[in-house]
């Protein structure tokens, strides 16, 4: 299967605002002891949460948000450790369980914004591109694995994903990590896509071409 990839725009951002819903804000406000949060206007919820958060010590605030988002995935000891580590390091970029890195990013950046920089900042990369099939009869839906393998030819050899997952990108091994490397794969319209990933895993400077062709063969894994 052959494809033509054309990168339209790449930007690095320090938050993805739409990740947090008004319902999230209300539930977090309750955890931060803000009364009657559900009576507040939606447009005020974020600022109210920031004010409520900063009434707490940073590590304690981190613990409360971690418990809210990852309480079912992490032990109390892990949450205690991460809540302290977040103050000195970008845990979201280095956490060994890659499936948790995106959620840790959103938590980290919420706290970074609330405390106006007391937490180290991280980034996400948003790639807008077209991925056009060169096989007229091909109606295959693109997966995260397929997209990463197609992006491979346009990435610098220094790129972390290329260095860590060389065999997977070549299709020589299974690639379950792909769906966690790409946080969101959104088909905008036709062959137009929006890809959101970690700014640590794929930096803007890692994309060294604006247009190239790629071919995907059936995985040998």
C-alpha atoms as a PDB file:
ATOM      1  CA  UNK A   1       0.000   0.000   0.000  1.00  0.00           C
ATOM      2  CA  UNK A   2       1.543   3.260  -1.144  1.00  0.00           C
ATOM      3  CA  UNK A   3       0.743   6.690   0.230  1.00  0.00           C
ATOM      4  CA  UNK A   4       1.741  10.290  -0.338  1.00  0.00           C
ATOM      5  CA  UNK A   5       2.245  12.326   2.836  1.00  0.00           C
ATOM      6  CA  UNK A   6       2.219  16.112   2.824  1.00  0.00           C
ATOM      7  CA  UNK A   7       2.764  18.054   6.031  1.00  0.00           C
ATOM      8  CA  UNK A   8       0.684  21.230   6.105  1.00  0.00           C
ATOM      9  CA  UNK A   9       1.484  22.561   9.558  1.00  0.00           C
ATOM     10  CA  UNK A  10       3.329  21.548  12.716  1.00  0.00           C
ATOM     11  CA  UNK A  11       2.975  23.325  16.017  1.00  0.00           C
ATOM     12  CA  UNK A  12       4.144  22.643  19.546  1.00  0.00           C
ATOM     13  CA  UNK A  13       1.733  23.628  22.301  1.00  0.00           C
ATOM     14  CA  UNK A  14       1.951  23.666  26.081  1.00  0.00           C
ATOM     15  CA  UNK A  15      -1.628  22.524  26.656  1.00  0.00           C
ATOM     16  CA  UNK A  16      -4.655  21.048  24.919  1.00  0.00           C
ATOM     17  CA  UNK A  17      -7.529  22.957  26.461  1.00  0.00           C
ATOM     18  CA  UNK A  18     -10.286  20.743  25.074  1.00  0.00           C
ATOM     19  CA  UNK A  19      -8.959  17.744  27.028  1.00  0.00           C
ATOM     20  CA  UNK A  20     -10.543  19.102  30.215  1.00  0.00           C
ATOM     21  CA  UNK A  21     -14.349  19.282  30.147  1.00  0.00           C
ATOM     22  CA  UNK A  22     -16.577  21.461  32.285  1.00  0.00           C
ATOM     23  CA  UNK A  23     -17.626  18.289  34.084  1.00  0.00           C
ATOM     24  CA  UNK A  24     -13.950  17.618  34.885  1.00  0.00           C
ATOM     25  CA  UNK A  25     -13.596  21.134  36.292  1.00  0.00           C
ATOM     26  CA  UNK A  26     -16.675  20.739  38.507  1.00  0.00           C
ATOM     27  CA  UNK A  27     -15.536  17.376  39.840  1.00  0.00           C
ATOM     28  CA  UNK A  28     -12.039  18.684  40.532  1.00  0.00           C
ATOM     29  CA  UNK A  29     -13.409  21.757  42.270  1.00  0.00           C
ATOM     30  CA  UNK A  30     -15.302  19.458  44.619  1.00  0.00           C
ATOM     31  CA  UNK A  31     -12.066  17.606  45.391  1.00  0.00           C
ATOM     32  CA  UNK A  32     -10.420  20.929  46.157  1.00  0.00           C
ATOM     33  CA  UNK A  33     -13.193  21.785  48.636  1.00  0.00           C
ATOM     34  CA  UNK A  34     -14.864  24.428  46.503  1.00  0.00           C
ATOM     35  CA  UNK A  35     -18.577  24.473  47.449  1.00  0.00           C
ATOM     36  CA  UNK A  36     -21.426  24.399  44.936  1.00  0.00           C
ATOM     37  CA  UNK A  37     -19.115  24.255  41.936  1.00  0.00           C
ATOM     38  CA  UNK A  38     -21.928  23.048  39.692  1.00  0.00           C
ATOM     39  CA  UNK A  39     -23.732  26.365  40.252  1.00  0.00           C
ATOM     40  CA  UNK A  40     -20.878  28.328  38.673  1.00  0.00           C
ATOM     41  CA  UNK A  41     -20.929  29.577  35.093  1.00  0.00           C
ATOM     42  CA  UNK A  42     -19.051  27.333  32.680  1.00  0.00           C
ATOM     43  CA  UNK A  43     -16.785  30.142  31.515  1.00  0.00           C
ATOM     44  CA  UNK A  44     -15.599  30.691  35.104  1.00  0.00           C
ATOM     45  CA  UNK A  45     -14.855  27.084  36.021  1.00  0.00           C
ATOM     46  CA  UNK A  46     -11.246  26.987  34.895  1.00  0.00           C
ATOM     47  CA  UNK A  47     -10.232  30.129  36.767  1.00  0.00           C
ATOM     48  CA  UNK A  48     -12.143  29.017  39.841  1.00  0.00           C
ATOM     49  CA  UNK A  49     -10.276  25.711  39.738  1.00  0.00           C
ATOM     50  CA  UNK A  50      -6.932  27.477  39.464  1.00  0.00           C
ATOM     51  CA  UNK A  51      -7.757  29.570  42.516  1.00  0.00           C
ATOM     52  CA  UNK A  52      -8.870  26.493  44.437  1.00  0.00           C
ATOM     53  CA  UNK A  53      -5.762  24.550  43.431  1.00  0.00           C
ATOM     54  CA  UNK A  54      -3.369  27.245  44.598  1.00  0.00           C
ATOM     55  CA  UNK A  55      -4.880  27.146  48.102  1.00  0.00           C
ATOM     56  CA  UNK A  56      -3.063  23.800  48.397  1.00  0.00           C
ATOM     57  CA  UNK A  57       0.626  23.003  48.485  1.00  0.00           C
ATOM     58  CA  UNK A  58       1.791  22.008  44.969  1.00  0.00           C
ATOM     59  CA  UNK A  59       2.576  18.366  45.813  1.00  0.00           C
ATOM     60  CA  UNK A  60      -0.794  17.941  47.541  1.00  0.00           C
ATOM     61  CA  UNK A  61      -2.598  19.499  44.593  1.00  0.00           C
ATOM     62  CA  UNK A  62      -0.753  17.177  42.214  1.00  0.00           C
ATOM     63  CA  UNK A  63      -1.791  14.219  44.349  1.00  0.00           C
ATOM     64  CA  UNK A  64      -5.468  15.204  44.185  1.00  0.00           C
ATOM     65  CA  UNK A  65      -5.456  15.597  40.402  1.00  0.00           C
ATOM     66  CA  UNK A  66      -3.504  12.353  39.949  1.00  0.00           C
ATOM     67  CA  UNK A  67      -6.007  10.506  42.129  1.00  0.00           C
ATOM     68  CA  UNK A  68      -8.857  11.960  40.083  1.00  0.00           C
ATOM     69  CA  UNK A  69      -7.466  10.954  36.678  1.00  0.00           C
ATOM     70  CA  UNK A  70      -5.293   7.925  37.441  1.00  0.00           C
ATOM     71  CA  UNK A  71      -6.526   6.575  40.755  1.00  0.00           C
ATOM     72  CA  UNK A  72      -7.632   3.340  39.087  1.00  0.00           C
ATOM     73  CA  UNK A  73      -4.246   2.829  37.399  1.00  0.00           C
ATOM     74  CA  UNK A  74      -1.723   3.863  40.045  1.00  0.00           C
ATOM     75  CA  UNK A  75      -1.206   2.795  43.637  1.00  0.00           C
ATOM     76  CA  UNK A  76      -1.215   5.284  46.505  1.00  0.00           C
ATOM     77  CA  UNK A  77       2.564   4.951  46.737  1.00  0.00           C
ATOM     78  CA  UNK A  78       3.009   5.629  43.024  1.00  0.00           C
ATOM     79  CA  UNK A  79       0.794   8.713  43.246  1.00  0.00           C
ATOM     80  CA  UNK A  80       2.757  10.006  46.240  1.00  0.00           C
ATOM     81  CA  UNK A  81       6.022   9.511  44.360  1.00  0.00           C
ATOM     82  CA  UNK A  82       4.832  11.118  41.117  1.00  0.00           C
ATOM     83  CA  UNK A  83       3.245  14.092  42.903  1.00  0.00           C
ATOM     84  CA  UNK A  84       6.636  14.957  44.379  1.00  0.00           C
ATOM     85  CA  UNK A  85       8.653  14.127  41.258  1.00  0.00           C
ATOM     86  CA  UNK A  86       6.453  16.396  39.127  1.00  0.00           C
ATOM     87  CA  UNK A  87       7.793  19.439  40.942  1.00  0.00           C
ATOM     88  CA  UNK A  88      11.336  18.848  39.732  1.00  0.00           C
ATOM     89  CA  UNK A  89      11.000  16.804  36.538  1.00  0.00           C
ATOM     90  CA  UNK A  90       8.737  16.319  33.525  1.00  0.00           C
ATOM     91  CA  UNK A  91       7.500  12.908  34.617  1.00  0.00           C
ATOM     92  CA  UNK A  92       5.101  12.786  31.666  1.00  0.00           C
ATOM     93  CA  UNK A  93       8.036  12.553  29.254  1.00  0.00           C
ATOM     94  CA  UNK A  94       9.891   9.815  31.078  1.00  0.00           C
ATOM     95  CA  UNK A  95       7.268   7.641  32.748  1.00  0.00           C
ATOM     96  CA  UNK A  96       8.020   4.030  31.758  1.00  0.00           C
ATOM     97  CA  UNK A  97       4.378   3.088  31.129  1.00  0.00           C
ATOM     98  CA  UNK A  98       3.912   4.885  27.840  1.00  0.00           C
ATOM     99  CA  UNK A  99       0.130   4.459  27.965  1.00  0.00           C
ATOM    100  CA  UNK A 100       0.001   6.917  30.890  1.00  0.00           C
ATOM    101  CA  UNK A 101       2.218   9.612  29.403  1.00  0.00           C
ATOM    102  CA  UNK A 102      -0.567  11.539  27.670  1.00  0.00           C
ATOM    103  CA  UNK A 103      -2.718  11.748  30.809  1.00  0.00           C
ATOM    104  CA  UNK A 104       0.330  12.749  32.860  1.00  0.00           C
ATOM    105  CA  UNK A 105       1.013  15.501  30.316  1.00  0.00           C
ATOM    106  CA  UNK A 106      -2.470  16.966  30.697  1.00  0.00           C
ATOM    107  CA  UNK A 107      -2.214  16.810  34.495  1.00  0.00           C
ATOM    108  CA  UNK A 108       1.245  18.362  34.468  1.00  0.00           C
ATOM    109  CA  UNK A 109       0.206  21.257  32.246  1.00  0.00           C
ATOM    110  CA  UNK A 110      -2.952  21.966  34.232  1.00  0.00           C
ATOM    111  CA  UNK A 111      -0.800  22.320  37.337  1.00  0.00           C
ATOM    112  CA  UNK A 112       1.842  24.305  35.425  1.00  0.00           C
ATOM    113  CA  UNK A 113      -0.811  26.822  34.374  1.00  0.00           C
ATOM    114  CA  UNK A 114      -2.475  26.954  37.784  1.00  0.00           C
ATOM    115  CA  UNK A 115       0.780  27.603  39.624  1.00  0.00           C
ATOM    116  CA  UNK A 116       2.180  29.888  36.926  1.00  0.00           C
ATOM    117  CA  UNK A 117       5.328  27.879  36.345  1.00  0.00           C
ATOM    118  CA  UNK A 118       6.094  26.088  39.642  1.00  0.00           C
ATOM    119  CA  UNK A 119       5.885  22.800  37.759  1.00  0.00           C
ATOM    120  CA  UNK A 120       8.305  22.138  34.853  1.00  0.00           C
ATOM    121  CA  UNK A 121       6.526  22.579  31.536  1.00  0.00           C
ATOM    122  CA  UNK A 122       6.147  19.990  28.803  1.00  0.00           C
ATOM    123  CA  UNK A 123       4.727  20.146  25.290  1.00  0.00           C
ATOM    124  CA  UNK A 124       2.581  18.368  22.757  1.00  0.00           C
ATOM    125  CA  UNK A 125       3.070  18.359  18.993  1.00  0.00           C
ATOM    126  CA  UNK A 126       0.156  18.780  16.597  1.00  0.00           C
ATOM    127  CA  UNK A 127       0.759  17.732  12.998  1.00  0.00           C
ATOM    128  CA  UNK A 128      -1.721  18.664  10.281  1.00  0.00           C
ATOM    129  CA  UNK A 129      -1.146  16.671   7.124  1.00  0.00           C
ATOM    130  CA  UNK A 130      -2.674  14.888   4.191  1.00  0.00           C
ATOM    131  CA  UNK A 131      -2.167  11.150   3.744  1.00  0.00           C
ATOM    132  CA  UNK A 132      -3.286  10.236   0.254  1.00  0.00           C
ATOM    133  CA  UNK A 133      -3.566   6.652  -0.905  1.00  0.00           C
ATOM    134  CA  UNK A 134      -1.849   5.977  -4.214  1.00  0.00           C
ATOM    135  CA  UNK A 135      -3.794   2.743  -4.597  1.00  0.00           C
ATOM    136  CA  UNK A 136      -7.082   3.634  -6.227  1.00  0.00           C
ATOM    137  CA  UNK A 137      -8.833   0.585  -4.837  1.00  0.00           C
ATOM    138  CA  UNK A 138      -7.544   1.065  -1.285  1.00  0.00           C
ATOM    139  CA  UNK A 139     -10.129   2.039   1.330  1.00  0.00           C
ATOM    140  CA  UNK A 140      -8.107   0.997   4.359  1.00  0.00           C
ATOM    141  CA  UNK A 141      -8.712   3.011   7.518  1.00  0.00           C
ATOM    142  CA  UNK A 142      -5.433   4.302   8.845  1.00  0.00           C
ATOM    143  CA  UNK A 143      -4.390   3.232  12.338  1.00  0.00           C
ATOM    144  CA  UNK A 144      -1.872   4.867  14.641  1.00  0.00           C
ATOM    145  CA  UNK A 145       0.660   2.170  13.742  1.00  0.00           C
ATOM    146  CA  UNK A 146       0.204   2.760  10.027  1.00  0.00           C
ATOM    147  CA  UNK A 147       0.537   6.520  10.406  1.00  0.00           C
ATOM    148  CA  UNK A 148       3.752   6.258  12.424  1.00  0.00           C
ATOM    149  CA  UNK A 149       5.247   3.928   9.843  1.00  0.00           C
ATOM    150  CA  UNK A 150       4.301   6.394   7.098  1.00  0.00           C
ATOM    151  CA  UNK A 151       5.755   9.326   9.048  1.00  0.00           C
ATOM    152  CA  UNK A 152       9.031   7.454   9.484  1.00  0.00           C
ATOM    153  CA  UNK A 153      10.534   8.578   6.165  1.00  0.00           C
ATOM    154  CA  UNK A 154       9.957  12.223   7.040  1.00  0.00           C
ATOM    155  CA  UNK A 155      11.573  12.103  10.480  1.00  0.00           C
ATOM    156  CA  UNK A 156      15.132  12.918  11.443  1.00  0.00           C
ATOM    157  CA  UNK A 157      17.382  10.003  12.329  1.00  0.00           C
ATOM    158  CA  UNK A 158      17.783  11.654  15.738  1.00  0.00           C
ATOM    159  CA  UNK A 159      14.080  11.281  16.485  1.00  0.00           C
ATOM    160  CA  UNK A 160      13.385   9.284  19.658  1.00  0.00           C
ATOM    161  CA  UNK A 161      10.629   7.167  18.113  1.00  0.00           C
ATOM    162  CA  UNK A 162      12.890   6.153  15.242  1.00  0.00           C
ATOM    163  CA  UNK A 163      15.666   5.196  17.639  1.00  0.00           C
ATOM    164  CA  UNK A 164      13.495   3.288  20.110  1.00  0.00           C
ATOM    165  CA  UNK A 165      11.164   1.521  17.689  1.00  0.00           C
ATOM    166  CA  UNK A 166      13.229   0.936  14.552  1.00  0.00           C
ATOM    167  CA  UNK A 167      12.040  -2.623  13.937  1.00  0.00           C
ATOM    168  CA  UNK A 168       8.409  -1.750  14.653  1.00  0.00           C
ATOM    169  CA  UNK A 169       8.490   1.170  12.218  1.00  0.00           C
ATOM    170  CA  UNK A 170       9.841  -1.152   9.547  1.00  0.00           C
ATOM    171  CA  UNK A 171       6.956  -3.547  10.176  1.00  0.00           C
ATOM    172  CA  UNK A 172       9.301  -6.270  11.432  1.00  0.00           C
ATOM    173  CA  UNK A 173       7.725  -6.376  14.897  1.00  0.00           C
ATOM    174  CA  UNK A 174       4.280  -5.708  16.314  1.00  0.00           C
ATOM    175  CA  UNK A 175       3.795  -2.144  17.448  1.00  0.00           C
ATOM    176  CA  UNK A 176       1.228  -1.906  20.291  1.00  0.00           C
ATOM    177  CA  UNK A 177       2.963   1.228  21.601  1.00  0.00           C
ATOM    178  CA  UNK A 178       1.817   3.158  18.507  1.00  0.00           C
ATOM    179  CA  UNK A 179      -1.640   3.935  19.905  1.00  0.00           C
ATOM    180  CA  UNK A 180       0.001   5.545  22.941  1.00  0.00           C
ATOM    181  CA  UNK A 181       2.688   7.409  20.980  1.00  0.00           C
ATOM    182  CA  UNK A 182      -0.078   9.039  18.947  1.00  0.00           C
ATOM    183  CA  UNK A 183      -2.433  10.532  21.517  1.00  0.00           C
ATOM    184  CA  UNK A 184      -5.090  11.379  18.967  1.00  0.00           C
ATOM    185  CA  UNK A 185      -5.455  10.550  15.284  1.00  0.00           C
ATOM    186  CA  UNK A 186      -8.279  12.603  13.841  1.00  0.00           C
ATOM    187  CA  UNK A 187      -9.519  12.323  10.285  1.00  0.00           C
ATOM    188  CA  UNK A 188     -10.609  15.885   9.514  1.00  0.00           C
ATOM    189  CA  UNK A 189     -11.954  15.323   6.027  1.00  0.00           C
ATOM    190  CA  UNK A 190     -11.061  12.895   3.265  1.00  0.00           C
ATOM    191  CA  UNK A 191      -7.294  12.461   3.350  1.00  0.00           C
ATOM    192  CA  UNK A 192      -6.723  15.315   5.846  1.00  0.00           C
ATOM    193  CA  UNK A 193      -5.495  14.320   9.306  1.00  0.00           C
ATOM    194  CA  UNK A 194      -4.640  15.918  12.617  1.00  0.00           C
ATOM    195  CA  UNK A 195      -2.096  14.015  14.695  1.00  0.00           C
ATOM    196  CA  UNK A 196      -1.442  14.852  18.341  1.00  0.00           C
ATOM    197  CA  UNK A 197       1.583  13.383  20.087  1.00  0.00           C
ATOM    198  CA  UNK A 198       4.176  14.117  22.748  1.00  0.00           C
ATOM    199  CA  UNK A 199       6.488  17.041  22.094  1.00  0.00           C
ATOM    200  CA  UNK A 200       9.205  14.891  23.589  1.00  0.00           C
ATOM    201  CA  UNK A 201       8.674  11.994  21.187  1.00  0.00           C
ATOM    202  CA  UNK A 202       8.215  14.026  18.005  1.00  0.00           C
ATOM    203  CA  UNK A 203       9.517  17.595  18.019  1.00  0.00           C
ATOM    204  CA  UNK A 204       8.780  20.105  15.301  1.00  0.00           C
ATOM    205  CA  UNK A 205      12.433  20.002  14.222  1.00  0.00           C
ATOM    206  CA  UNK A 206      12.257  16.206  13.909  1.00  0.00           C
ATOM    207  CA  UNK A 207      10.096  16.589  10.801  1.00  0.00           C
ATOM    208  CA  UNK A 208      12.674  17.202   8.105  1.00  0.00           C
ATOM    209  CA  UNK A 209      10.500  16.877   4.988  1.00  0.00           C
ATOM    210  CA  UNK A 210       7.251  18.464   3.927  1.00  0.00           C
ATOM    211  CA  UNK A 211       6.292  15.877   1.330  1.00  0.00           C
ATOM    212  CA  UNK A 212       7.244  12.260   0.694  1.00  0.00           C
ATOM    213  CA  UNK A 213       5.880   8.868  -0.239  1.00  0.00           C
ATOM    214  CA  UNK A 214       5.671   5.817   1.973  1.00  0.00           C
ATOM    215  CA  UNK A 215       4.725   2.183   1.596  1.00  0.00           C
ATOM    216  CA  UNK A 216       3.233  -0.135   4.173  1.00  0.00           C
ATOM    217  CA  UNK A 217       3.591  -3.882   3.942  1.00  0.00           C
ATOM    218  CA  UNK A 218       1.800  -6.370   6.151  1.00  0.00           C
ATOM    219  CA  UNK A 219       3.476  -6.588   9.560  1.00  0.00           C
ATOM    220  CA  UNK A 220       5.796  -9.570  10.051  1.00  0.00           C
ATOM    221  CA  UNK A 221       5.266  -9.531  13.812  1.00  0.00           C
END
